[in-house]
Amino acid sequence: PSHAHDGITESYICLSGSVSENNQGVYSPGSMIFN
């Protein structure tokens, strides 16, 4: 579900599988999500 982190800069690096964030693109292994 939707959530946020106050005062924190966050990144995810996909190691396996695939995900989408906010229905804006697909992130597969080797890609980064920046929040």
PDB file of all heavy atoms in Angstrom:
ATOM      1  N   PRO A   1       0.798  -1.235   0.000  1.00  0.00           N
ATOM      2  CA  PRO A   1       0.000   0.000   0.000  1.00  0.00           C
ATOM      3  C   PRO A   1       0.828   1.281   0.000  1.00  0.00           C
ATOM      4  O   PRO A   1       2.014   1.291   0.352  1.00  0.00           O
ATOM      5  CB  PRO A   1      -0.808  -0.121   1.303  1.00  0.00           C
ATOM      6  CG  PRO A   1      -0.822  -1.570   1.621  1.00  0.00           C
ATOM      7  CD  PRO A   1       0.494  -2.105   1.145  1.00  0.00           C
ATOM      8  N   SER A   2       0.168   2.378  -0.363  1.00  0.00           N
ATOM      9  CA  SER A   2       0.810   3.689  -0.406  1.00  0.00           C
ATOM     10  C   SER A   2       1.367   4.068   0.953  1.00  0.00           C
ATOM     11  O   SER A   2       0.715   3.912   1.984  1.00  0.00           O
ATOM     12  CB  SER A   2      -0.199   4.745  -0.869  1.00  0.00           C
ATOM     13  OG  SER A   2      -0.607   4.515  -2.188  1.00  0.00           O
ATOM     14  N   HIS A   3       2.590   4.574   0.946  1.00  0.00           N
ATOM     15  CA  HIS A   3       3.256   4.997   2.171  1.00  0.00           C
ATOM     16  C   HIS A   3       4.340   5.996   1.799  1.00  0.00           C
ATOM     17  O   HIS A   3       4.634   6.218   0.626  1.00  0.00           O
ATOM     18  CB  HIS A   3       3.864   3.794   2.905  1.00  0.00           C
ATOM     19  CG  HIS A   3       4.967   3.122   2.151  1.00  0.00           C
ATOM     20  ND1 HIS A   3       4.744   2.364   1.027  1.00  0.00           N
ATOM     21  CD2 HIS A   3       6.308   3.115   2.363  1.00  0.00           C
ATOM     22  CE1 HIS A   3       5.889   1.913   0.564  1.00  0.00           C
ATOM     23  NE2 HIS A   3       6.868   2.356   1.358  1.00  0.00           N
ATOM     24  N   ALA A   4       4.927   6.631   2.795  1.00  0.00           N
ATOM     25  CA  ALA A   4       5.984   7.618   2.573  1.00  0.00           C
ATOM     26  C   ALA A   4       6.936   7.594   3.754  1.00  0.00           C
ATOM     27  O   ALA A   4       6.631   7.033   4.811  1.00  0.00           O
ATOM     28  CB  ALA A   4       5.387   9.005   2.382  1.00  0.00           C
ATOM     29  N   HIS A   5       8.096   8.216   3.585  1.00  0.00           N
ATOM     30  CA  HIS A   5       9.113   8.267   4.626  1.00  0.00           C
ATOM     31  C   HIS A   5       9.517   9.726   4.829  1.00  0.00           C
ATOM     32  O   HIS A   5      10.173  10.317   3.962  1.00  0.00           O
ATOM     33  CB  HIS A   5      10.342   7.439   4.236  1.00  0.00           C
ATOM     34  CG  HIS A   5      10.021   6.080   3.698  1.00  0.00           C
ATOM     35  ND1 HIS A   5       9.721   5.012   4.510  1.00  0.00           N
ATOM     36  CD2 HIS A   5       9.938   5.621   2.421  1.00  0.00           C
ATOM     37  CE1 HIS A   5       9.485   3.952   3.756  1.00  0.00           C
ATOM     38  NE2 HIS A   5       9.599   4.296   2.485  1.00  0.00           N
ATOM     39  N   ASP A   6       9.145  10.311   5.930  1.00  0.00           N
ATOM     40  CA  ASP A   6       9.479  11.709   6.202  1.00  0.00           C
ATOM     41  C   ASP A   6      10.966  11.861   6.496  1.00  0.00           C
ATOM     42  O   ASP A   6      11.537  11.128   7.313  1.00  0.00           O
ATOM     43  CB  ASP A   6       8.671  12.230   7.396  1.00  0.00           C
ATOM     44  CG  ASP A   6       7.188  12.373   7.075  1.00  0.00           C
ATOM     45  OD1 ASP A   6       6.864  12.526   5.882  1.00  0.00           O
ATOM     46  OD2 ASP A   6       6.369  12.323   8.010  1.00  0.00           O
ATOM     47  N   GLY A   7      11.604  12.814   5.825  1.00  0.00           N
ATOM     48  CA  GLY A   7      12.999  13.115   6.089  1.00  0.00           C
ATOM     49  C   GLY A   7      13.982  12.073   5.598  1.00  0.00           C
ATOM     50  O   GLY A   7      15.164  12.122   5.945  1.00  0.00           O
ATOM     51  N   ILE A   8      13.513  11.147   4.784  1.00  0.00           N
ATOM     52  CA  ILE A   8      14.361  10.052   4.302  1.00  0.00           C
ATOM     53  C   ILE A   8      14.349  10.024   2.774  1.00  0.00           C
ATOM     54  O   ILE A   8      13.288  10.087   2.153  1.00  0.00           O
ATOM     55  CB  ILE A   8      13.854   8.690   4.819  1.00  0.00           C
ATOM     56  CG1 ILE A   8      13.944   8.610   6.344  1.00  0.00           C
ATOM     57  CG2 ILE A   8      14.618   7.548   4.163  1.00  0.00           C
ATOM     58  CD1 ILE A   8      15.349   8.614   6.891  1.00  0.00           C
ATOM     59  N   THR A   9      15.539   9.942   2.177  1.00  0.00           N
ATOM     60  CA  THR A   9      15.644   9.671   0.751  1.00  0.00           C
ATOM     61  C   THR A   9      15.891   8.170   0.598  1.00  0.00           C
ATOM     62  O   THR A   9      16.792   7.610   1.221  1.00  0.00           O
ATOM     63  CB  THR A   9      16.802  10.455   0.116  1.00  0.00           C
ATOM     64  OG1 THR A   9      16.585  11.849   0.326  1.00  0.00           O
ATOM     65  CG2 THR A   9      16.873  10.182  -1.383  1.00  0.00           C
ATOM     66  N   GLU A  10      15.084   7.556  -0.245  1.00  0.00           N
ATOM     67  CA  GLU A  10      15.069   6.100  -0.353  1.00  0.00           C
ATOM     68  C   GLU A  10      15.342   5.657  -1.783  1.00  0.00           C
ATOM     69  O   GLU A  10      14.928   6.304  -2.750  1.00  0.00           O
ATOM     70  CB  GLU A  10      13.693   5.577   0.077  1.00  0.00           C
ATOM     71  CG  GLU A  10      13.470   4.091  -0.152  1.00  0.00           C
ATOM     72  CD  GLU A  10      12.020   3.695   0.060  1.00  0.00           C
ATOM     73  OE1 GLU A  10      11.145   4.187  -0.703  1.00  0.00           O
ATOM     74  OE2 GLU A  10      11.760   2.916   0.983  1.00  0.00           O
ATOM     75  N   SER A  11      16.023   4.540  -1.904  1.00  0.00           N
ATOM     76  CA  SER A  11      16.145   3.891  -3.209  1.00  0.00           C
ATOM     77  C   SER A  11      16.038   2.393  -3.032  1.00  0.00           C
ATOM     78  O   SER A  11      16.396   1.844  -1.988  1.00  0.00           O
ATOM     79  CB  SER A  11      17.470   4.252  -3.887  1.00  0.00           C
ATOM     80  OG  SER A  11      18.571   3.887  -3.077  1.00  0.00           O
ATOM     81  N   TYR A  12      15.498   1.753  -4.048  1.00  0.00           N
ATOM     82  CA  TYR A  12      15.455   0.300  -4.130  1.00  0.00           C
ATOM     83  C   TYR A  12      16.284  -0.120  -5.343  1.00  0.00           C
ATOM     84  O   TYR A  12      16.229   0.524  -6.390  1.00  0.00           O
ATOM     85  CB  TYR A  12      14.035  -0.218  -4.385  1.00  0.00           C
ATOM     86  CG  TYR A  12      13.018  -0.018  -3.301  1.00  0.00           C
ATOM     87  CD1 TYR A  12      12.045   0.970  -3.414  1.00  0.00           C
ATOM     88  CD2 TYR A  12      12.982  -0.858  -2.183  1.00  0.00           C
ATOM     89  CE1 TYR A  12      11.075   1.137  -2.442  1.00  0.00           C
ATOM     90  CE2 TYR A  12      12.011  -0.696  -1.206  1.00  0.00           C
ATOM     91  CZ  TYR A  12      11.060   0.303  -1.338  1.00  0.00           C
ATOM     92  OH  TYR A  12      10.102   0.468  -0.375  1.00  0.00           O
ATOM     93  N   ILE A  13      17.015  -1.209  -5.207  1.00  0.00           N
ATOM     94  CA  ILE A  13      17.645  -1.848  -6.361  1.00  0.00           C
ATOM     95  C   ILE A  13      17.039  -3.237  -6.492  1.00  0.00           C
ATOM     96  O   ILE A  13      17.085  -4.041  -5.555  1.00  0.00           O
ATOM     97  CB  ILE A  13      19.174  -1.948  -6.202  1.00  0.00           C
ATOM     98  CG1 ILE A  13      19.792  -0.551  -6.119  1.00  0.00           C
ATOM     99  CG2 ILE A  13      19.772  -2.724  -7.383  1.00  0.00           C
ATOM    100  CD1 ILE A  13      21.291  -0.555  -5.879  1.00  0.00           C
ATOM    101  N   CYS A  14      16.450  -3.500  -7.634  1.00  0.00           N
ATOM    102  CA  CYS A  14      15.796  -4.788  -7.857  1.00  0.00           C
ATOM    103  C   CYS A  14      16.854  -5.864  -8.088  1.00  0.00           C
ATOM    104  O   CYS A  14      17.686  -5.749  -8.997  1.00  0.00           O
ATOM    105  CB  CYS A  14      14.856  -4.686  -9.057  1.00  0.00           C
ATOM    106  SG  CYS A  14      13.859  -6.169  -9.324  1.00  0.00           S
ATOM    107  N   LEU A  15      16.828  -6.901  -7.246  1.00  0.00           N
ATOM    108  CA  LEU A  15      17.771  -8.014  -7.364  1.00  0.00           C
ATOM    109  C   LEU A  15      17.166  -9.217  -8.071  1.00  0.00           C
ATOM    110  O   LEU A  15      17.880  -9.980  -8.720  1.00  0.00           O
ATOM    111  CB  LEU A  15      18.263  -8.430  -5.974  1.00  0.00           C
ATOM    112  CG  LEU A  15      18.974  -7.354  -5.151  1.00  0.00           C
ATOM    113  CD1 LEU A  15      19.324  -7.889  -3.770  1.00  0.00           C
ATOM    114  CD2 LEU A  15      20.227  -6.862  -5.864  1.00  0.00           C
ATOM    115  N   SER A  16      15.858  -9.419  -7.927  1.00  0.00           N
ATOM    116  CA  SER A  16      15.174 -10.475  -8.666  1.00  0.00           C
ATOM    117  C   SER A  16      13.690 -10.154  -8.731  1.00  0.00           C
ATOM    118  O   SER A  16      13.163  -9.397  -7.916  1.00  0.00           O
ATOM    119  CB  SER A  16      15.395 -11.854  -8.019  1.00  0.00           C
ATOM    120  OG  SER A  16      14.685 -11.969  -6.802  1.00  0.00           O
ATOM    121  N   GLY A  17      13.005 -10.746  -9.720  1.00  0.00           N
ATOM    122  CA  GLY A  17      11.595 -10.448  -9.913  1.00  0.00           C
ATOM    123  C   GLY A  17      11.398  -9.119 -10.619  1.00  0.00           C
ATOM    124  O   GLY A  17      12.336  -8.525 -11.151  1.00  0.00           O
ATOM    125  N   SER A  18      10.166  -8.644 -10.610  1.00  0.00           N
ATOM    126  CA  SER A  18       9.865  -7.341 -11.215  1.00  0.00           C
ATOM    127  C   SER A  18       8.723  -6.686 -10.457  1.00  0.00           C
ATOM    128  O   SER A  18       7.815  -7.362  -9.964  1.00  0.00           O
ATOM    129  CB  SER A  18       9.504  -7.483 -12.698  1.00  0.00           C
ATOM    130  OG  SER A  18       8.360  -8.308 -12.865  1.00  0.00           O
ATOM    131  N   VAL A  19       8.805  -5.355 -10.355  1.00  0.00           N
ATOM    132  CA  VAL A  19       7.797  -4.580  -9.631  1.00  0.00           C
ATOM    133  C   VAL A  19       7.469  -3.321 -10.412  1.00  0.00           C
ATOM    134  O   VAL A  19       8.201  -2.922 -11.320  1.00  0.00           O
ATOM    135  CB  VAL A  19       8.283  -4.188  -8.214  1.00  0.00           C
ATOM    136  CG1 VAL A  19       8.623  -5.421  -7.388  1.00  0.00           C
ATOM    137  CG2 VAL A  19       9.476  -3.238  -8.281  1.00  0.00           C
ATOM    138  N   SER A  20       6.359  -2.699 -10.033  1.00  0.00           N
ATOM    139  CA  SER A  20       5.992  -1.389 -10.563  1.00  0.00           C
ATOM    140  C   SER A  20       5.718  -0.471  -9.389  1.00  0.00           C
ATOM    141  O   SER A  20       5.230  -0.922  -8.344  1.00  0.00           O
ATOM    142  CB  SER A  20       4.750  -1.494 -11.453  1.00  0.00           C
ATOM    143  OG  SER A  20       4.374  -0.214 -11.939  1.00  0.00           O
ATOM    144  N   GLU A  21       6.057   0.811  -9.532  1.00  0.00           N
ATOM    145  CA  GLU A  21       5.755   1.782  -8.485  1.00  0.00           C
ATOM    146  C   GLU A  21       4.804   2.830  -9.042  1.00  0.00           C
ATOM    147  O   GLU A  21       5.084   3.459 -10.069  1.00  0.00           O
ATOM    148  CB  GLU A  21       7.021   2.455  -7.964  1.00  0.00           C
ATOM    149  CG  GLU A  21       6.724   3.425  -6.817  1.00  0.00           C
ATOM    150  CD  GLU A  21       7.969   4.073  -6.235  1.00  0.00           C
ATOM    151  OE1 GLU A  21       8.614   3.445  -5.386  1.00  0.00           O
ATOM    152  OE2 GLU A  21       8.281   5.215  -6.641  1.00  0.00           O
ATOM    153  N   ASN A  22       3.678   3.008  -8.351  1.00  0.00           N
ATOM    154  CA  ASN A  22       2.663   3.983  -8.759  1.00  0.00           C
ATOM    155  C   ASN A  22       2.227   3.787 -10.208  1.00  0.00           C
ATOM    156  O   ASN A  22       1.864   4.736 -10.899  1.00  0.00           O
ATOM    157  CB  ASN A  22       3.167   5.421  -8.561  1.00  0.00           C
ATOM    158  CG  ASN A  22       3.413   5.748  -7.098  1.00  0.00           C
ATOM    159  OD1 ASN A  22       2.925   5.052  -6.207  1.00  0.00           O
ATOM    160  ND2 ASN A  22       4.157   6.800  -6.834  1.00  0.00           N
ATOM    161  N   ASN A  23       2.293   2.539 -10.671  1.00  0.00           N
ATOM    162  CA  ASN A  23       1.877   2.196 -12.040  1.00  0.00           C
ATOM    163  C   ASN A  23       2.643   2.992 -13.093  1.00  0.00           C
ATOM    164  O   ASN A  23       2.128   3.243 -14.191  1.00  0.00           O
ATOM    165  CB  ASN A  23       0.368   2.427 -12.216  1.00  0.00           C
ATOM    166  CG  ASN A  23      -0.455   1.545 -11.306  1.00  0.00           C
ATOM    167  OD1 ASN A  23      -0.151   0.365 -11.131  1.00  0.00           O
ATOM    168  ND2 ASN A  23      -1.496   2.101 -10.699  1.00  0.00           N
ATOM    169  N   GLN A  24       3.884   3.352 -12.765  1.00  0.00           N
ATOM    170  CA  GLN A  24       4.693   4.154 -13.690  1.00  0.00           C
ATOM    171  C   GLN A  24       5.968   3.400 -14.045  1.00  0.00           C
ATOM    172  O   GLN A  24       7.016   3.604 -13.462  1.00  0.00           O
ATOM    173  CB  GLN A  24       5.021   5.519 -13.061  1.00  0.00           C
ATOM    174  CG  GLN A  24       3.777   6.368 -12.803  1.00  0.00           C
ATOM    175  CD  GLN A  24       4.100   7.660 -12.080  1.00  0.00           C
ATOM    176  OE1 GLN A  24       5.180   7.828 -11.530  1.00  0.00           O
ATOM    177  NE2 GLN A  24       3.153   8.589 -12.079  1.00  0.00           N
ATOM    178  N   GLY A  25       5.862   2.501 -14.976  1.00  0.00           N
ATOM    179  CA  GLY A  25       7.018   1.745 -15.415  1.00  0.00           C
ATOM    180  C   GLY A  25       7.194   0.449 -14.659  1.00  0.00           C
ATOM    181  O   GLY A  25       6.632   0.238 -13.591  1.00  0.00           O
ATOM    182  N   VAL A  26       8.003  -0.439 -15.232  1.00  0.00           N
ATOM    183  CA  VAL A  26       8.302  -1.740 -14.646  1.00  0.00           C
ATOM    184  C   VAL A  26       9.791  -1.787 -14.329  1.00  0.00           C
ATOM    185  O   VAL A  26      10.627  -1.446 -15.164  1.00  0.00           O
ATOM    186  CB  VAL A  26       7.935  -2.887 -15.606  1.00  0.00           C
ATOM    187  CG1 VAL A  26       8.320  -4.234 -15.005  1.00  0.00           C
ATOM    188  CG2 VAL A  26       6.440  -2.847 -15.922  1.00  0.00           C
ATOM    189  N   TYR A  27      10.118  -2.234 -13.110  1.00  0.00           N
ATOM    190  CA  TYR A  27      11.501  -2.312 -12.663  1.00  0.00           C
ATOM    191  C   TYR A  27      11.901  -3.776 -12.549  1.00  0.00           C
ATOM    192  O   TYR A  27      11.319  -4.526 -11.762  1.00  0.00           O
ATOM    193  CB  TYR A  27      11.670  -1.604 -11.324  1.00  0.00           C
ATOM    194  CG  TYR A  27      11.329  -0.132 -11.391  1.00  0.00           C
ATOM    195  CD1 TYR A  27      10.023   0.315 -11.177  1.00  0.00           C
ATOM    196  CD2 TYR A  27      12.309   0.813 -11.700  1.00  0.00           C
ATOM    197  CE1 TYR A  27       9.709   1.665 -11.252  1.00  0.00           C
ATOM    198  CE2 TYR A  27      12.002   2.159 -11.775  1.00  0.00           C
ATOM    199  CZ  TYR A  27      10.705   2.578 -11.552  1.00  0.00           C
ATOM    200  OH  TYR A  27      10.390   3.909 -11.637  1.00  0.00           O
ATOM    201  N   SER A  28      12.887  -4.173 -13.348  1.00  0.00           N
ATOM    202  CA  SER A  28      13.375  -5.546 -13.384  1.00  0.00           C
ATOM    203  C   SER A  28      14.778  -5.584 -12.775  1.00  0.00           C
ATOM    204  O   SER A  28      15.334  -4.538 -12.416  1.00  0.00           O
ATOM    205  CB  SER A  28      13.377  -6.051 -14.827  1.00  0.00           C
ATOM    206  OG  SER A  28      14.139  -5.187 -15.643  1.00  0.00           O
ATOM    207  N   PRO A  29      15.387  -6.773 -12.621  1.00  0.00           N
ATOM    208  CA  PRO A  29      16.698  -6.857 -11.985  1.00  0.00           C
ATOM    209  C   PRO A  29      17.733  -5.919 -12.601  1.00  0.00           C
ATOM    210  O   PRO A  29      17.869  -5.840 -13.824  1.00  0.00           O
ATOM    211  CB  PRO A  29      17.077  -8.325 -12.183  1.00  0.00           C
ATOM    212  CG  PRO A  29      15.763  -9.028 -12.159  1.00  0.00           C
ATOM    213  CD  PRO A  29      14.822  -8.109 -12.892  1.00  0.00           C
ATOM    214  N   GLY A  30      18.437  -5.204 -11.714  1.00  0.00           N
ATOM    215  CA  GLY A  30      19.444  -4.245 -12.149  1.00  0.00           C
ATOM    216  C   GLY A  30      18.960  -2.820 -12.217  1.00  0.00           C
ATOM    217  O   GLY A  30      19.760  -1.901 -12.428  1.00  0.00           O
ATOM    218  N   SER A  31      17.657  -2.600 -12.029  1.00  0.00           N
ATOM    219  CA  SER A  31      17.113  -1.240 -12.103  1.00  0.00           C
ATOM    220  C   SER A  31      16.921  -0.663 -10.704  1.00  0.00           C
ATOM    221  O   SER A  31      16.859  -1.377  -9.716  1.00  0.00           O
ATOM    222  CB  SER A  31      15.800  -1.223 -12.876  1.00  0.00           C
ATOM    223  OG  SER A  31      14.858  -2.100 -12.280  1.00  0.00           O
ATOM    224  N   MET A  32      16.833   0.671 -10.656  1.00  0.00           N
ATOM    225  CA  MET A  32      16.688   1.377  -9.395  1.00  0.00           C
ATOM    226  C   MET A  32      15.399   2.178  -9.361  1.00  0.00           C
ATOM    227  O   MET A  32      15.007   2.796 -10.355  1.00  0.00           O
ATOM    228  CB  MET A  32      17.867   2.333  -9.158  1.00  0.00           C
ATOM    229  CG  MET A  32      17.699   3.237  -7.935  1.00  0.00           C
ATOM    230  SD  MET A  32      19.037   4.438  -7.729  1.00  0.00           S
ATOM    231  CE  MET A  32      20.308   3.377  -7.064  1.00  0.00           C
ATOM    232  N   ILE A  33      14.741   2.178  -8.200  1.00  0.00           N
ATOM    233  CA  ILE A  33      13.605   3.054  -7.916  1.00  0.00           C
ATOM    234  C   ILE A  33      14.095   4.112  -6.946  1.00  0.00           C
ATOM    235  O   ILE A  33      14.731   3.789  -5.934  1.00  0.00           O
ATOM    236  CB  ILE A  33      12.442   2.285  -7.278  1.00  0.00           C
ATOM    237  CG1 ILE A  33      12.022   1.105  -8.146  1.00  0.00           C
ATOM    238  CG2 ILE A  33      11.259   3.208  -7.026  1.00  0.00           C
ATOM    239  CD1 ILE A  33      10.984   0.197  -7.495  1.00  0.00           C
ATOM    240  N   PHE A  34      13.819   5.370  -7.229  1.00  0.00           N
ATOM    241  CA  PHE A  34      14.262   6.478  -6.385  1.00  0.00           C
ATOM    242  C   PHE A  34      13.056   7.212  -5.825  1.00  0.00           C
ATOM    243  O   PHE A  34      12.159   7.612  -6.564  1.00  0.00           O
ATOM    244  CB  PHE A  34      15.125   7.445  -7.197  1.00  0.00           C
ATOM    245  CG  PHE A  34      15.541   8.673  -6.445  1.00  0.00           C
ATOM    246  CD1 PHE A  34      16.538   8.608  -5.479  1.00  0.00           C
ATOM    247  CD2 PHE A  34      14.933   9.894  -6.701  1.00  0.00           C
ATOM    248  CE1 PHE A  34      16.924   9.748  -4.780  1.00  0.00           C
ATOM    249  CE2 PHE A  34      15.308  11.034  -6.011  1.00  0.00           C
ATOM    250  CZ  PHE A  34      16.310  10.960  -5.046  1.00  0.00           C
ATOM    251  N   ASN A  35      13.038   7.379  -4.494  1.00  0.00           N
ATOM    252  CA  ASN A  35      11.942   8.081  -3.830  1.00  0.00           C
ATOM    253  C   ASN A  35      12.490   9.202  -2.937  1.00  0.00           C
ATOM    254  O   ASN A  35      13.131   8.919  -1.922  1.00  0.00           O
ATOM    255  CB  ASN A  35      11.129   7.108  -2.965  1.00  0.00           C
ATOM    256  CG  ASN A  35      10.395   6.071  -3.789  1.00  0.00           C
ATOM    257  OD1 ASN A  35       9.774   6.389  -4.796  1.00  0.00           O
ATOM    258  ND2 ASN A  35      10.477   4.817  -3.375  1.00  0.00           N
TER     259      ASN A  35
END
